[in-house]
Structure formats: structure tokens, C-alpha cells
């Protein structure tokens, strides 16, 4: 399923995190360092719920939201954990 803002498909961002992790995942490979990625989720809005009822990514729409996610203390940044307004998303 593909979701977009509208037909022009402006770029959006997921609130996510990444880290480098060193571990032994397979004995034959030995110790490896990999980049791990994850993204913040929230309850699904009415547009996403028919396809994935439990959750949707936290989508950052404005530059201020991106800056908050990247630079604010965790309690402030986590206030962005909310479903996107239904009018901001459509199914393609």
C-alpha cells in the first residue's frame, strides 16, 4: 500500500533513530558492526487503519517538527508521537 500527501507527493520524514551495533550474529562471520535503524510509531489514523489497524509511523511534515525531533530533549521530541491528521494523507 502506498500513502502520500497528495498527487504531488511532497517529501515526508519518519521520526526514527539509528545506531551502530557490534556483535556476533553468525559464528562463521564472527564479530561484525552494522547500522541498525528503527522508527517511532503511534496509533493508526482513519486513513491507515483499514490497512494496518495497530500502528503507523510518526510522520514529520514541517521543518520545525524535524528540528524538534533531532535537537529537543526526549520529553519534548516525544510530543510528536501522534497520528497524522487524516486530511494530510491519502491512499494511492
N, C-alpha and C. Protein backbone atom coordinates (compact mmCIF):
# COMPACT_ATOMS: atom_id res chain seq x y z
N UNK A 1 0.84 -1.17 0.00
CA UNK A 1 0.00 0.00 0.00
C UNK A 1 0.89 1.24 0.00
N UNK A 2 0.53 2.23 -0.79
CA UNK A 2 1.28 3.49 -0.86
C UNK A 2 0.42 4.62 -0.34
N UNK A 3 1.01 5.46 0.49
CA UNK A 3 0.34 6.62 1.03
C UNK A 3 1.12 7.86 0.60
N UNK A 4 0.41 8.95 0.38
CA UNK A 4 1.07 10.21 0.00
C UNK A 4 0.25 11.38 0.54
N UNK A 5 0.86 12.56 0.50
CA UNK A 5 0.15 13.77 0.93
C UNK A 5 -0.91 14.13 -0.09
N UNK A 6 -0.54 14.12 -1.36
CA UNK A 6 -1.46 14.37 -2.47
C UNK A 6 -0.76 13.94 -3.74
N UNK A 7 -1.33 14.26 -4.89
CA UNK A 7 -0.77 13.82 -6.16
C UNK A 7 0.65 14.32 -6.40
N UNK A 8 1.03 15.42 -5.78
CA UNK A 8 2.39 15.95 -5.98
C UNK A 8 3.42 15.20 -5.14
N UNK A 9 2.97 14.40 -4.19
CA UNK A 9 3.82 13.56 -3.34
C UNK A 9 4.98 14.30 -2.68
N UNK A 10 4.72 15.36 -1.93
CA UNK A 10 5.83 16.04 -1.27
C UNK A 10 6.55 15.11 -0.30
N UNK A 11 7.82 15.38 -0.12
CA UNK A 11 8.65 14.56 0.74
C UNK A 11 8.21 14.68 2.20
N UNK A 12 8.16 13.55 2.88
CA UNK A 12 7.84 13.50 4.30
C UNK A 12 8.94 12.73 5.01
N UNK A 13 8.98 12.80 6.32
CA UNK A 13 10.02 12.14 7.10
C UNK A 13 9.39 11.34 8.23
N UNK A 14 9.96 10.18 8.52
CA UNK A 14 9.59 9.39 9.69
C UNK A 14 10.49 9.81 10.85
N UNK A 15 9.92 9.87 12.05
CA UNK A 15 10.73 10.08 13.24
C UNK A 15 11.41 8.75 13.54
N UNK A 16 12.73 8.72 13.44
CA UNK A 16 13.45 7.47 13.63
C UNK A 16 14.73 7.65 14.39
N UNK A 17 15.36 6.53 14.66
CA UNK A 17 16.65 6.52 15.34
C UNK A 17 17.57 5.53 14.63
N UNK A 18 18.87 5.68 14.83
CA UNK A 18 19.82 4.69 14.32
C UNK A 18 21.00 4.63 15.27
N UNK A 19 21.70 3.51 15.18
CA UNK A 19 22.91 3.32 15.97
C UNK A 19 23.79 2.29 15.29
N UNK A 20 25.07 2.37 15.52
CA UNK A 20 25.98 1.30 15.10
C UNK A 20 26.03 0.26 16.22
N UNK A 21 26.04 -1.00 15.84
CA UNK A 21 26.00 -2.07 16.82
C UNK A 21 27.04 -3.12 16.44
N UNK A 22 27.85 -3.50 17.39
CA UNK A 22 28.86 -4.53 17.16
C UNK A 22 28.47 -5.78 17.93
N UNK A 23 28.39 -6.91 17.22
CA UNK A 23 28.02 -8.16 17.87
C UNK A 23 28.38 -9.33 16.97
N UNK A 24 28.22 -10.53 17.51
CA UNK A 24 28.38 -11.74 16.72
C UNK A 24 26.97 -12.21 16.38
N UNK A 25 26.61 -12.07 15.12
CA UNK A 25 25.28 -12.51 14.68
C UNK A 25 25.33 -13.92 14.13
N UNK A 26 26.43 -14.27 13.45
CA UNK A 26 26.64 -15.62 12.91
C UNK A 26 28.06 -16.03 13.27
N UNK A 27 28.22 -17.22 13.81
CA UNK A 27 29.54 -17.66 14.23
C UNK A 27 30.53 -17.66 13.07
N UNK A 28 30.10 -18.03 11.86
CA UNK A 28 31.01 -18.07 10.71
C UNK A 28 31.52 -16.67 10.36
N UNK A 29 30.70 -15.64 10.56
CA UNK A 29 31.11 -14.27 10.25
C UNK A 29 31.97 -13.67 11.35
N UNK A 30 31.75 -14.10 12.56
CA UNK A 30 32.45 -13.50 13.69
C UNK A 30 31.82 -12.16 14.05
N UNK A 31 32.59 -11.34 14.71
CA UNK A 31 32.09 -10.04 15.16
C UNK A 31 31.93 -9.10 13.96
N UNK A 32 30.77 -8.46 13.87
CA UNK A 32 30.50 -7.50 12.80
C UNK A 32 29.91 -6.23 13.41
N UNK A 33 30.10 -5.13 12.72
CA UNK A 33 29.47 -3.87 13.10
C UNK A 33 28.48 -3.51 12.01
N UNK A 34 27.24 -3.28 12.41
CA UNK A 34 26.17 -2.95 11.46
C UNK A 34 25.45 -1.70 11.94
N UNK A 35 24.79 -1.03 11.02
CA UNK A 35 23.92 0.10 11.38
C UNK A 35 22.51 -0.43 11.55
N UNK A 36 21.90 -0.12 12.68
CA UNK A 36 20.53 -0.53 12.97
C UNK A 36 19.63 0.70 12.93
N UNK A 37 18.44 0.53 12.37
CA UNK A 37 17.50 1.63 12.22
C UNK A 37 16.14 1.23 12.77
N UNK A 38 15.43 2.18 13.29
CA UNK A 38 14.06 1.96 13.75
C UNK A 38 13.29 3.26 13.63
N UNK A 39 11.97 3.19 13.61
CA UNK A 39 11.20 4.42 13.60
C UNK A 39 10.10 4.39 14.64
N UNK A 40 9.74 5.57 15.10
CA UNK A 40 8.72 5.76 16.12
C UNK A 40 7.34 5.53 15.50
N UNK A 41 6.48 4.82 16.21
CA UNK A 41 5.12 4.59 15.74
C UNK A 41 4.11 5.18 16.71
N UNK A 42 2.89 5.26 16.24
CA UNK A 42 1.77 5.75 17.03
C UNK A 42 0.51 5.02 16.57
N UNK A 43 -0.61 5.30 17.19
CA UNK A 43 -1.85 4.64 16.76
C UNK A 43 -2.18 5.05 15.33
N UNK A 44 -2.81 4.16 14.59
CA UNK A 44 -3.15 4.42 13.19
C UNK A 44 -4.28 5.43 13.09
N UNK A 45 -4.17 6.33 12.11
CA UNK A 45 -5.28 7.25 11.87
C UNK A 45 -6.32 6.55 10.99
N UNK A 46 -7.41 7.23 10.64
CA UNK A 46 -8.51 6.61 9.89
C UNK A 46 -8.11 6.21 8.48
N UNK A 47 -7.10 6.85 7.90
CA UNK A 47 -6.64 6.50 6.55
C UNK A 47 -5.81 5.22 6.58
N UNK A 48 -4.94 5.08 7.55
CA UNK A 48 -4.05 3.92 7.64
C UNK A 48 -4.74 2.71 8.27
N UNK A 49 -5.63 2.92 9.21
CA UNK A 49 -6.24 1.83 9.99
C UNK A 49 -6.85 0.70 9.16
N UNK A 50 -7.51 0.96 8.03
CA UNK A 50 -8.05 -0.17 7.26
C UNK A 50 -6.96 -1.13 6.74
N UNK A 51 -5.73 -0.66 6.62
CA UNK A 51 -4.64 -1.47 6.08
C UNK A 51 -3.71 -1.98 7.17
N UNK A 52 -3.57 -1.20 8.22
CA UNK A 52 -2.73 -1.60 9.35
C UNK A 52 -3.33 -0.98 10.62
N UNK A 53 -4.26 -1.68 11.25
CA UNK A 53 -5.04 -1.09 12.34
C UNK A 53 -4.28 -0.77 13.62
N UNK A 54 -3.14 -1.39 13.84
CA UNK A 54 -2.46 -1.22 15.13
C UNK A 54 -1.58 0.02 15.21
N UNK A 55 -0.91 0.39 14.13
CA UNK A 55 0.06 1.47 14.24
C UNK A 55 0.39 2.08 12.89
N UNK A 56 1.00 3.25 12.95
CA UNK A 56 1.54 3.91 11.77
C UNK A 56 2.80 4.66 12.20
N UNK A 57 3.69 4.96 11.27
CA UNK A 57 4.88 5.74 11.64
C UNK A 57 4.50 7.15 12.07
N UNK A 58 5.32 7.73 12.92
CA UNK A 58 5.17 9.15 13.23
C UNK A 58 5.77 9.90 12.05
N UNK A 59 4.94 10.68 11.36
CA UNK A 59 5.36 11.40 10.15
C UNK A 59 5.55 12.87 10.49
N UNK A 60 6.73 13.35 10.14
CA UNK A 60 7.07 14.75 10.39
C UNK A 60 6.84 15.53 9.09
N UNK A 61 6.02 16.56 9.15
CA UNK A 61 5.64 17.30 7.95
C UNK A 61 6.37 18.62 7.77
N UNK A 62 6.67 19.27 8.86
CA UNK A 62 7.23 20.63 8.78
C UNK A 62 8.67 20.66 9.27
N UNK A 63 9.42 21.61 8.79
CA UNK A 63 10.82 21.76 9.19
C UNK A 63 10.96 21.89 10.70
N UNK A 64 10.02 22.59 11.35
CA UNK A 64 10.08 22.76 12.80
C UNK A 64 9.97 21.41 13.51
N UNK A 65 9.14 20.52 12.98
CA UNK A 65 9.00 19.19 13.58
C UNK A 65 10.29 18.39 13.43
N UNK A 66 10.91 18.50 12.28
CA UNK A 66 12.17 17.80 12.06
C UNK A 66 13.23 18.31 13.03
N UNK A 67 13.33 19.61 13.17
CA UNK A 67 14.30 20.20 14.10
C UNK A 67 14.03 19.77 15.54
N UNK A 68 12.76 19.75 15.93
CA UNK A 68 12.39 19.31 17.28
C UNK A 68 12.82 17.87 17.49
N UNK A 69 12.53 16.99 16.52
CA UNK A 69 12.89 15.57 16.64
C UNK A 69 14.40 15.39 16.78
N UNK A 70 15.16 16.16 16.03
CA UNK A 70 16.61 15.98 16.00
C UNK A 70 17.34 16.66 17.16
N UNK A 71 16.75 17.72 17.75
CA UNK A 71 17.52 18.51 18.70
C UNK A 71 16.90 18.67 20.09
N UNK A 72 15.62 18.45 20.23
CA UNK A 72 14.96 18.72 21.52
C UNK A 72 15.21 17.60 22.52
N UNK A 73 15.10 17.90 23.80
CA UNK A 73 15.15 16.83 24.82
C UNK A 73 14.03 15.82 24.56
N UNK A 74 14.26 14.57 24.94
CA UNK A 74 13.31 13.49 24.66
C UNK A 74 11.87 13.81 25.06
N UNK A 75 11.59 14.36 26.25
CA UNK A 75 10.18 14.63 26.60
C UNK A 75 9.50 15.59 25.61
N UNK A 76 10.25 16.52 25.07
CA UNK A 76 9.70 17.48 24.10
C UNK A 76 9.54 16.79 22.74
N UNK A 77 10.57 16.09 22.29
CA UNK A 77 10.52 15.41 20.99
C UNK A 77 9.40 14.38 20.95
N UNK A 78 9.18 13.67 22.03
CA UNK A 78 8.16 12.62 22.05
C UNK A 78 6.74 13.16 22.00
N UNK A 79 6.56 14.47 22.15
CA UNK A 79 5.23 15.06 21.96
C UNK A 79 4.80 14.96 20.48
N UNK A 80 5.74 14.69 19.60
CA UNK A 80 5.43 14.49 18.18
C UNK A 80 4.78 13.13 17.91
N UNK A 81 4.73 12.27 18.91
CA UNK A 81 4.18 10.93 18.75
C UNK A 81 2.66 11.00 18.75
N UNK A 82 2.13 11.28 17.56
CA UNK A 82 0.67 11.39 17.39
C UNK A 82 0.33 11.00 15.96
N UNK A 83 -0.89 10.50 15.73
CA UNK A 83 -1.28 10.16 14.36
C UNK A 83 -1.34 11.42 13.49
N UNK A 84 -1.01 11.26 12.22
CA UNK A 84 -1.12 12.35 11.27
C UNK A 84 -2.59 12.65 11.02
N UNK A 85 -2.93 13.90 10.83
CA UNK A 85 -4.32 14.25 10.53
C UNK A 85 -4.77 13.55 9.25
N UNK A 86 -5.99 13.06 9.21
CA UNK A 86 -6.50 12.33 8.06
C UNK A 86 -6.41 13.14 6.77
N UNK A 87 -6.60 14.45 6.87
CA UNK A 87 -6.57 15.30 5.69
C UNK A 87 -5.17 15.44 5.11
N UNK A 88 -4.15 15.00 5.85
CA UNK A 88 -2.76 15.12 5.39
C UNK A 88 -2.25 13.88 4.68
N UNK A 89 -3.11 12.87 4.49
CA UNK A 89 -2.65 11.60 3.95
C UNK A 89 -3.74 10.98 3.10
N UNK A 90 -3.33 10.39 1.97
CA UNK A 90 -4.28 9.66 1.14
C UNK A 90 -3.65 8.38 0.61
N UNK A 91 -4.49 7.45 0.20
CA UNK A 91 -4.04 6.19 -0.37
C UNK A 91 -3.89 6.37 -1.86
N UNK A 92 -2.75 5.93 -2.40
CA UNK A 92 -2.55 5.99 -3.85
C UNK A 92 -2.86 4.66 -4.48
